[in-house]
C-alpha cells in the first residue's frame, strides 16, 4: 500500500516537473524571436522605399522625350510600358532601374549617342512588357 502511494506521488511529481519544464520552454521560445516585429517592420519599410526609388528611376527614364519618341517609333504604347513597371518583380525592377540609370549617366557623359540610347530605351520597354506578360 505504501509503495503504491510512493509510486503515485512520484508519477505526480514527475508530471509536475515535466509540465513546468515544457511550459517554461514554450514561454521562453515565444518571447525570444529570431527577428523582432520592429526589425521586420523596419526591413519592410526599407524594401518599400527601395522599390519606390527604383520605380521612380525607371519611370523617369521612360518618360523622357527620347524614350517617348523611341517607343512610338517602335510601335509601343508608352502608357502601357509605364503602367507595366508597377507589375515588375523587385529583382527585375532593380535590374532595369540600375541599367536605366547607367544609360542616362553614359548619355549625359557623352559615352553613348542618341541612337544607342534609343536602342537601349526600346530594349528596356520591350523587356518590361515581356517580363510582365510572362508573369
N, C-alpha and C. Protein backbone atom coordinates (compact mmCIF):
# COMPACT_ATOMS: atom_id res chain seq x y z
N UNK A 1 0.82 -1.18 0.00
CA UNK A 1 0.00 0.00 0.00
C UNK A 1 0.87 1.25 0.00
N UNK A 2 1.92 1.19 0.83
CA UNK A 2 2.82 2.33 0.92
C UNK A 2 3.56 2.52 -0.40
N UNK A 3 3.90 1.42 -1.06
CA UNK A 3 4.61 1.50 -2.34
C UNK A 3 3.74 2.15 -3.41
N UNK A 4 2.45 1.83 -3.39
CA UNK A 4 1.53 2.43 -4.36
C UNK A 4 1.45 3.94 -4.15
N UNK A 5 1.39 4.34 -2.89
CA UNK A 5 1.32 5.76 -2.58
C UNK A 5 2.58 6.48 -3.04
N UNK A 6 3.73 5.89 -2.77
CA UNK A 6 5.01 6.49 -3.18
C UNK A 6 5.10 6.54 -4.71
N UNK A 7 4.68 5.47 -5.36
CA UNK A 7 4.72 5.42 -6.82
C UNK A 7 3.78 6.47 -7.43
N UNK A 8 2.59 6.61 -6.83
CA UNK A 8 1.63 7.61 -7.31
C UNK A 8 2.18 9.03 -7.11
N UNK A 9 2.78 9.28 -5.99
CA UNK A 9 3.36 10.59 -5.70
C UNK A 9 4.54 10.87 -6.62
N UNK A 10 5.32 9.86 -6.92
CA UNK A 10 6.47 10.03 -7.83
C UNK A 10 5.99 10.37 -9.23
N UNK A 11 4.93 9.66 -9.69
CA UNK A 11 4.36 9.96 -11.01
C UNK A 11 3.81 11.38 -11.06
N UNK A 12 3.11 11.77 -10.01
CA UNK A 12 2.54 13.10 -9.96
C UNK A 12 3.65 14.16 -9.95
N UNK A 13 4.70 13.91 -9.18
CA UNK A 13 5.83 14.84 -9.13
C UNK A 13 6.53 14.94 -10.47
N UNK A 14 6.72 13.80 -11.13
CA UNK A 14 7.37 13.77 -12.44
C UNK A 14 6.52 14.54 -13.47
N UNK A 15 5.21 14.32 -13.44
CA UNK A 15 4.31 15.04 -14.35
C UNK A 15 4.38 16.54 -14.11
N UNK A 16 4.44 16.92 -12.84
CA UNK A 16 4.51 18.34 -12.50
C UNK A 16 5.81 18.96 -13.00
N UNK A 17 6.92 18.26 -12.81
CA UNK A 17 8.23 18.76 -13.26
C UNK A 17 8.27 18.87 -14.78
N UNK A 18 7.79 17.81 -15.47
CA UNK A 18 7.80 17.84 -16.94
C UNK A 18 6.87 18.92 -17.48
N UNK A 19 5.70 19.08 -16.86
CA UNK A 19 4.76 20.12 -17.29
C UNK A 19 5.35 21.51 -17.11
N UNK A 20 6.00 21.74 -15.99
CA UNK A 20 6.62 23.04 -15.73
C UNK A 20 7.75 23.30 -16.72
N UNK A 21 8.55 22.28 -16.98
CA UNK A 21 9.66 22.43 -17.93
C UNK A 21 9.13 22.73 -19.34
N UNK A 22 8.10 22.01 -19.74
CA UNK A 22 7.52 22.22 -21.07
C UNK A 22 6.92 23.61 -21.18
N UNK A 23 6.18 24.04 -20.18
CA UNK A 23 5.54 25.36 -20.20
C UNK A 23 6.60 26.47 -20.22
N UNK A 24 7.63 26.35 -19.41
CA UNK A 24 8.65 27.40 -19.35
C UNK A 24 9.44 27.46 -20.65
N UNK A 25 9.69 26.32 -21.29
CA UNK A 25 10.40 26.30 -22.56
C UNK A 25 9.57 26.99 -23.64
N UNK A 26 8.26 26.71 -23.69
CA UNK A 26 7.41 27.36 -24.68
C UNK A 26 7.33 28.86 -24.45
N UNK A 27 7.28 29.27 -23.20
CA UNK A 27 7.22 30.70 -22.88
C UNK A 27 8.50 31.40 -23.33
N UNK A 28 9.64 30.78 -23.05
CA UNK A 28 10.92 31.36 -23.45
C UNK A 28 11.01 31.43 -24.97
N UNK A 29 10.61 30.37 -25.65
CA UNK A 29 10.66 30.37 -27.11
C UNK A 29 9.72 31.41 -27.70
N UNK A 30 8.56 31.57 -27.10
CA UNK A 30 7.61 32.55 -27.61
C UNK A 30 8.11 33.97 -27.44
N UNK A 31 8.90 34.21 -26.41
CA UNK A 31 9.40 35.56 -26.15
C UNK A 31 10.68 35.86 -26.91
N UNK A 32 11.40 34.85 -27.30
CA UNK A 32 12.70 35.04 -27.92
C UNK A 32 12.62 34.79 -29.43
N UNK A 33 12.11 35.77 -30.19
CA UNK A 33 12.01 35.65 -31.63
C UNK A 33 13.38 35.89 -32.25
N UNK A 34 13.59 35.27 -33.39
CA UNK A 34 14.84 35.50 -34.10
C UNK A 34 14.90 36.92 -34.64
N UNK A 35 13.77 37.42 -35.11
CA UNK A 35 13.68 38.78 -35.62
C UNK A 35 12.52 39.46 -34.91
N UNK A 36 12.78 40.59 -34.34
CA UNK A 36 11.73 41.29 -33.62
C UNK A 36 10.74 41.91 -34.61
N UNK A 37 9.49 42.08 -34.19
CA UNK A 37 8.50 42.70 -35.08
C UNK A 37 8.92 44.10 -35.55
N UNK A 38 9.57 44.86 -34.70
CA UNK A 38 10.00 46.19 -35.13
C UNK A 38 11.10 46.10 -36.19
N UNK A 39 11.99 45.11 -36.08
CA UNK A 39 13.00 44.91 -37.12
C UNK A 39 12.36 44.52 -38.44
N UNK A 40 11.33 43.66 -38.36
CA UNK A 40 10.64 43.26 -39.58
C UNK A 40 9.96 44.45 -40.23
N UNK A 41 9.33 45.30 -39.44
CA UNK A 41 8.67 46.50 -39.99
C UNK A 41 9.69 47.42 -40.63
N UNK A 42 10.83 47.57 -39.97
CA UNK A 42 11.88 48.43 -40.49
C UNK A 42 12.40 47.89 -41.83
N UNK A 43 12.60 46.58 -41.91
CA UNK A 43 13.06 45.96 -43.16
C UNK A 43 12.02 46.11 -44.27
N UNK A 44 10.74 45.95 -43.92
CA UNK A 44 9.68 46.11 -44.92
C UNK A 44 9.60 47.54 -45.41
N UNK A 45 9.78 48.50 -44.50
CA UNK A 45 9.76 49.91 -44.88
C UNK A 45 10.93 50.22 -45.82
N UNK A 46 12.10 49.69 -45.48
CA UNK A 46 13.29 49.93 -46.32
C UNK A 46 13.11 49.31 -47.70
N UNK A 47 12.57 48.09 -47.76
CA UNK A 47 12.34 47.44 -49.05
C UNK A 47 11.32 48.22 -49.87
N UNK A 48 10.32 48.75 -49.22
CA UNK A 48 9.30 49.54 -49.90
C UNK A 48 9.91 50.82 -50.46
N UNK A 49 10.78 51.45 -49.71
CA UNK A 49 11.43 52.67 -50.17
C UNK A 49 12.35 52.39 -51.37
N UNK A 50 13.08 51.28 -51.31
CA UNK A 50 13.96 50.92 -52.42
C UNK A 50 13.13 50.66 -53.67
N UNK A 51 12.03 49.94 -53.51
CA UNK A 51 11.16 49.67 -54.66
C UNK A 51 10.62 50.98 -55.24
N UNK A 52 10.19 51.88 -54.38
CA UNK A 52 9.65 53.16 -54.84
C UNK A 52 10.72 53.95 -55.59
N UNK A 53 11.95 53.97 -55.08
CA UNK A 53 13.03 54.68 -55.77
C UNK A 53 13.32 54.06 -57.13
N UNK A 54 13.31 52.72 -57.18
CA UNK A 54 13.55 52.03 -58.46
C UNK A 54 12.45 52.33 -59.47
N UNK A 55 11.20 52.34 -59.00
CA UNK A 55 10.09 52.68 -59.90
C UNK A 55 10.23 54.11 -60.42
N UNK A 56 10.58 55.02 -59.53
CA UNK A 56 10.75 56.42 -59.94
C UNK A 56 11.87 56.55 -60.96
N UNK A 57 12.97 55.85 -60.74
CA UNK A 57 14.10 55.91 -61.68
C UNK A 57 13.68 55.40 -63.05
N UNK A 58 13.02 54.26 -63.08
CA UNK A 58 12.63 53.67 -64.35
C UNK A 58 11.55 54.50 -65.05
N UNK A 59 10.60 55.01 -64.29
CA UNK A 59 9.56 55.86 -64.89
C UNK A 59 10.15 57.16 -65.43
N UNK A 60 11.12 57.71 -64.71
CA UNK A 60 11.79 58.92 -65.18
C UNK A 60 12.49 58.65 -66.51
N UNK A 61 13.16 57.54 -66.59
CA UNK A 61 13.85 57.13 -67.82
C UNK A 61 12.85 56.97 -68.96
N UNK A 62 11.72 56.31 -68.67
CA UNK A 62 10.73 56.04 -69.71
C UNK A 62 9.92 57.28 -70.10
N UNK A 63 9.87 58.26 -69.22
CA UNK A 63 9.07 59.45 -69.53
C UNK A 63 9.88 60.53 -70.24
N UNK A 64 11.16 60.30 -70.45
CA UNK A 64 11.96 61.30 -71.16
C UNK A 64 11.45 61.43 -72.60
N UNK A 65 11.71 62.56 -73.18
CA UNK A 65 11.27 62.81 -74.56
C UNK A 65 11.84 61.77 -75.51
N UNK A 66 13.11 61.43 -75.30
CA UNK A 66 13.75 60.44 -76.17
C UNK A 66 13.06 59.09 -76.06
N UNK A 67 12.73 58.71 -74.82
CA UNK A 67 12.07 57.41 -74.61
C UNK A 67 10.70 57.38 -75.25
N UNK A 68 9.95 58.48 -75.11
CA UNK A 68 8.61 58.54 -75.69
C UNK A 68 8.68 58.39 -77.21
N UNK A 69 9.63 59.10 -77.83
CA UNK A 69 9.79 59.01 -79.28
C UNK A 69 10.25 57.61 -79.69
N UNK A 70 11.17 57.05 -78.94
CA UNK A 70 11.70 55.72 -79.28
C UNK A 70 10.60 54.66 -79.19
N UNK A 71 9.77 54.73 -78.16
CA UNK A 71 8.70 53.74 -78.02
C UNK A 71 7.66 53.90 -79.13
N UNK A 72 7.33 55.15 -79.45
CA UNK A 72 6.34 55.38 -80.52
C UNK A 72 6.87 54.90 -81.86
N UNK A 73 8.17 55.14 -82.12
CA UNK A 73 8.73 54.69 -83.40
C UNK A 73 8.83 53.17 -83.46
N UNK A 74 8.88 52.51 -82.30
CA UNK A 74 8.91 51.05 -82.26
C UNK A 74 7.50 50.47 -82.15
N UNK A 75 6.50 51.33 -82.28
CA UNK A 75 5.09 50.94 -82.21
C UNK A 75 4.72 50.35 -80.84
N UNK A 76 5.31 50.91 -79.78
CA UNK A 76 4.98 50.52 -78.41
C UNK A 76 4.18 51.63 -77.76
N UNK A 77 3.20 51.26 -76.99
CA UNK A 77 2.38 52.24 -76.29
C UNK A 77 3.13 52.68 -75.02
N UNK A 78 3.60 53.93 -74.98
CA UNK A 78 4.36 54.40 -73.81
C UNK A 78 3.59 54.26 -72.50
N UNK A 79 2.29 54.48 -72.54
CA UNK A 79 1.48 54.38 -71.33
C UNK A 79 1.43 52.93 -70.84
N UNK A 80 1.31 51.99 -71.75
CA UNK A 80 1.27 50.58 -71.39
C UNK A 80 2.59 50.16 -70.77
N UNK A 81 3.70 50.63 -71.33
CA UNK A 81 5.02 50.30 -70.79
C UNK A 81 5.17 50.89 -69.38
N UNK A 82 4.79 52.15 -69.23
CA UNK A 82 4.91 52.81 -67.92
C UNK A 82 4.02 52.13 -66.88
N UNK A 83 2.81 51.74 -67.28
CA UNK A 83 1.92 51.04 -66.34
C UNK A 83 2.46 49.68 -65.94
N UNK A 84 3.19 49.04 -66.83
CA UNK A 84 3.73 47.71 -66.56
C UNK A 84 4.85 47.74 -65.52
N UNK A 85 5.45 48.89 -65.32
CA UNK A 85 6.56 49.00 -64.36
C UNK A 85 6.12 48.54 -62.97
N UNK A 86 4.93 48.90 -62.56
CA UNK A 86 4.48 48.54 -61.21
C UNK A 86 4.24 47.05 -61.04
N UNK A 87 4.14 46.32 -62.14
CA UNK A 87 3.91 44.87 -62.06
C UNK A 87 5.19 44.05 -62.13
N UNK A 88 6.32 44.72 -62.24
CA UNK A 88 7.60 44.00 -62.26
C UNK A 88 7.93 43.47 -60.86
N UNK A 89 8.66 42.37 -60.82
CA UNK A 89 9.13 41.86 -59.53
C UNK A 89 10.20 42.82 -58.99
N UNK A 90 10.48 42.72 -57.71
CA UNK A 90 11.51 43.60 -57.12
C UNK A 90 12.86 43.41 -57.79
N UNK A 91 13.22 42.17 -58.10
CA UNK A 91 14.52 41.90 -58.73
C UNK A 91 14.59 42.48 -60.14
N UNK A 92 13.54 42.23 -60.93
CA UNK A 92 13.53 42.76 -62.30
C UNK A 92 13.54 44.28 -62.29
N UNK A 93 12.76 44.85 -61.38
CA UNK A 93 12.69 46.31 -61.28
C UNK A 93 14.05 46.89 -60.90
N UNK A 94 14.72 46.26 -59.96
CA UNK A 94 16.05 46.75 -59.53
C UNK A 94 17.05 46.68 -60.68
N UNK A 95 17.04 45.57 -61.43
CA UNK A 95 17.97 45.43 -62.56
C UNK A 95 17.71 46.49 -63.63
N UNK A 96 16.45 46.67 -63.99
CA UNK A 96 16.13 47.64 -65.03
C UNK A 96 16.38 49.08 -64.58
N UNK A 97 16.11 49.36 -63.32
CA UNK A 97 16.39 50.71 -62.80
C UNK A 97 17.89 50.99 -62.83
N UNK A 98 18.69 50.00 -62.46
CA UNK A 98 20.15 50.18 -62.48
C UNK A 98 20.65 50.39 -63.91
N UNK A 99 20.10 49.62 -64.85
CA UNK A 99 20.51 49.77 -66.25
C UNK A 99 20.08 51.12 -66.82
N UNK A 100 18.88 51.55 -66.45
CA UNK A 100 18.42 52.84 -66.97
C UNK A 100 19.25 53.99 -66.39
N UNK A 101 19.62 53.89 -65.12
CA UNK A 101 20.46 54.93 -64.50
C UNK A 101 21.83 54.97 -65.17
N UNK A 102 22.38 53.79 -65.45
CA UNK A 102 23.69 53.74 -66.11
C UNK A 102 23.60 54.32 -67.52
N UNK A 103 22.54 54.01 -68.25
CA UNK A 103 22.38 54.54 -69.61
C UNK A 103 22.24 56.06 -69.58
N UNK A 104 21.49 56.58 -68.62
CA UNK A 104 21.34 58.03 -68.51
C UNK A 104 22.68 58.70 -68.21
N UNK A 105 23.46 58.09 -67.31
CA UNK A 105 24.78 58.65 -66.98
C UNK A 105 25.70 58.63 -68.20
N UNK A 106 25.70 57.49 -68.90
CA UNK A 106 26.56 57.36 -70.07
C UNK A 106 26.16 58.36 -71.15
N UNK A 107 24.87 58.57 -71.33
CA UNK A 107 24.41 59.53 -72.32
C UNK A 107 24.81 60.95 -71.93
N UNK A 108 24.62 61.28 -70.65
CA UNK A 108 24.99 62.62 -70.17
C UNK A 108 26.49 62.85 -70.28
N UNK A 109 27.28 61.81 -70.09
CA UNK A 109 28.74 61.94 -70.16
C UNK A 109 29.25 61.86 -71.60
N UNK A 110 28.37 61.57 -72.53
CA UNK A 110 28.79 61.50 -73.93
C UNK A 110 29.37 60.16 -74.33
N UNK A 111 29.25 59.16 -73.50
CA UNK A 111 29.80 57.84 -73.82
C UNK A 111 28.93 57.06 -74.81
N UNK A 112 27.65 57.42 -74.89
CA UNK A 112 26.78 56.81 -75.89
C UNK A 112 26.05 57.93 -76.62
N UNK A 113 25.68 57.65 -77.87
CA UNK A 113 25.00 58.69 -78.64
C UNK A 113 23.48 58.46 -78.63
N UNK A 114 22.79 59.33 -79.34
CA UNK A 114 21.32 59.27 -79.38
C UNK A 114 20.82 57.91 -79.86
N UNK A 115 21.44 57.42 -80.90
CA UNK A 115 21.00 56.15 -81.48
C UNK A 115 21.12 55.02 -80.45
N UNK A 116 22.24 54.95 -79.78
CA UNK A 116 22.45 53.91 -78.77
C UNK A 116 21.42 54.04 -77.64
N UNK A 117 21.15 55.26 -77.23
CA UNK A 117 20.17 55.48 -76.17
C UNK A 117 18.79 55.03 -76.62
N UNK A 118 18.44 55.31 -77.85
CA UNK A 118 17.14 54.88 -78.37
C UNK A 118 17.03 53.36 -78.40
N UNK A 119 18.09 52.70 -78.80
CA UNK A 119 18.09 51.24 -78.82
C UNK A 119 17.92 50.70 -77.40
N UNK A 120 18.63 51.29 -76.45
CA UNK A 120 18.52 50.87 -75.05
C UNK A 120 17.10 51.09 -74.55
N UNK A 121 16.53 52.24 -74.86
CA UNK A 121 15.16 52.55 -74.43
C UNK A 121 14.16 51.54 -74.97
N UNK A 122 14.25 51.23 -76.23
CA UNK A 122 13.33 50.27 -76.83
C UNK A 122 13.53 48.89 -76.20
N UNK A 123 14.76 48.51 -76.01
CA UNK A 123 15.04 47.20 -75.38
C UNK A 123 14.46 47.14 -73.97
N UNK A 124 14.62 48.18 -73.20
CA UNK A 124 14.08 48.21 -71.84
C UNK A 124 12.55 48.13 -71.88
N UNK A 125 11.94 48.88 -72.78
CA UNK A 125 10.48 48.87 -72.88
C UNK A 125 9.96 47.49 -73.26
N UNK A 126 10.59 46.88 -74.26
CA UNK A 126 10.18 45.54 -74.68
C UNK A 126 10.41 44.54 -73.55
N UNK A 127 11.51 44.65 -72.88
CA UNK A 127 11.81 43.74 -71.76
C UNK A 127 10.76 43.86 -70.67
N UNK A 128 10.35 45.08 -70.36
CA UNK A 128 9.31 45.29 -69.34
C UNK A 128 8.02 44.58 -69.76
N UNK A 129 7.62 44.77 -70.99
CA UNK A 129 6.39 44.14 -71.46
C UNK A 129 6.48 42.63 -71.47
N UNK A 130 7.61 42.11 -71.86
CA UNK A 130 7.79 40.65 -71.88
C UNK A 130 7.77 40.07 -70.48
N UNK A 131 8.50 40.68 -69.57
CA UNK A 131 8.55 40.18 -68.19
C UNK A 131 7.17 40.19 -67.57
N UNK A 132 6.43 41.26 -67.77
CA UNK A 132 5.08 41.36 -67.20
C UNK A 132 4.16 40.34 -67.84
N UNK A 133 4.28 40.14 -69.14
CA UNK A 133 3.42 39.17 -69.84
C UNK A 133 3.71 37.74 -69.38
N UNK A 134 4.95 37.44 -69.10
CA UNK A 134 5.31 36.09 -68.67
C UNK A 134 4.81 35.82 -67.25
N UNK A 135 4.83 36.85 -66.41
CA UNK A 135 4.36 36.65 -65.03
C UNK A 135 2.88 36.71 -65.04
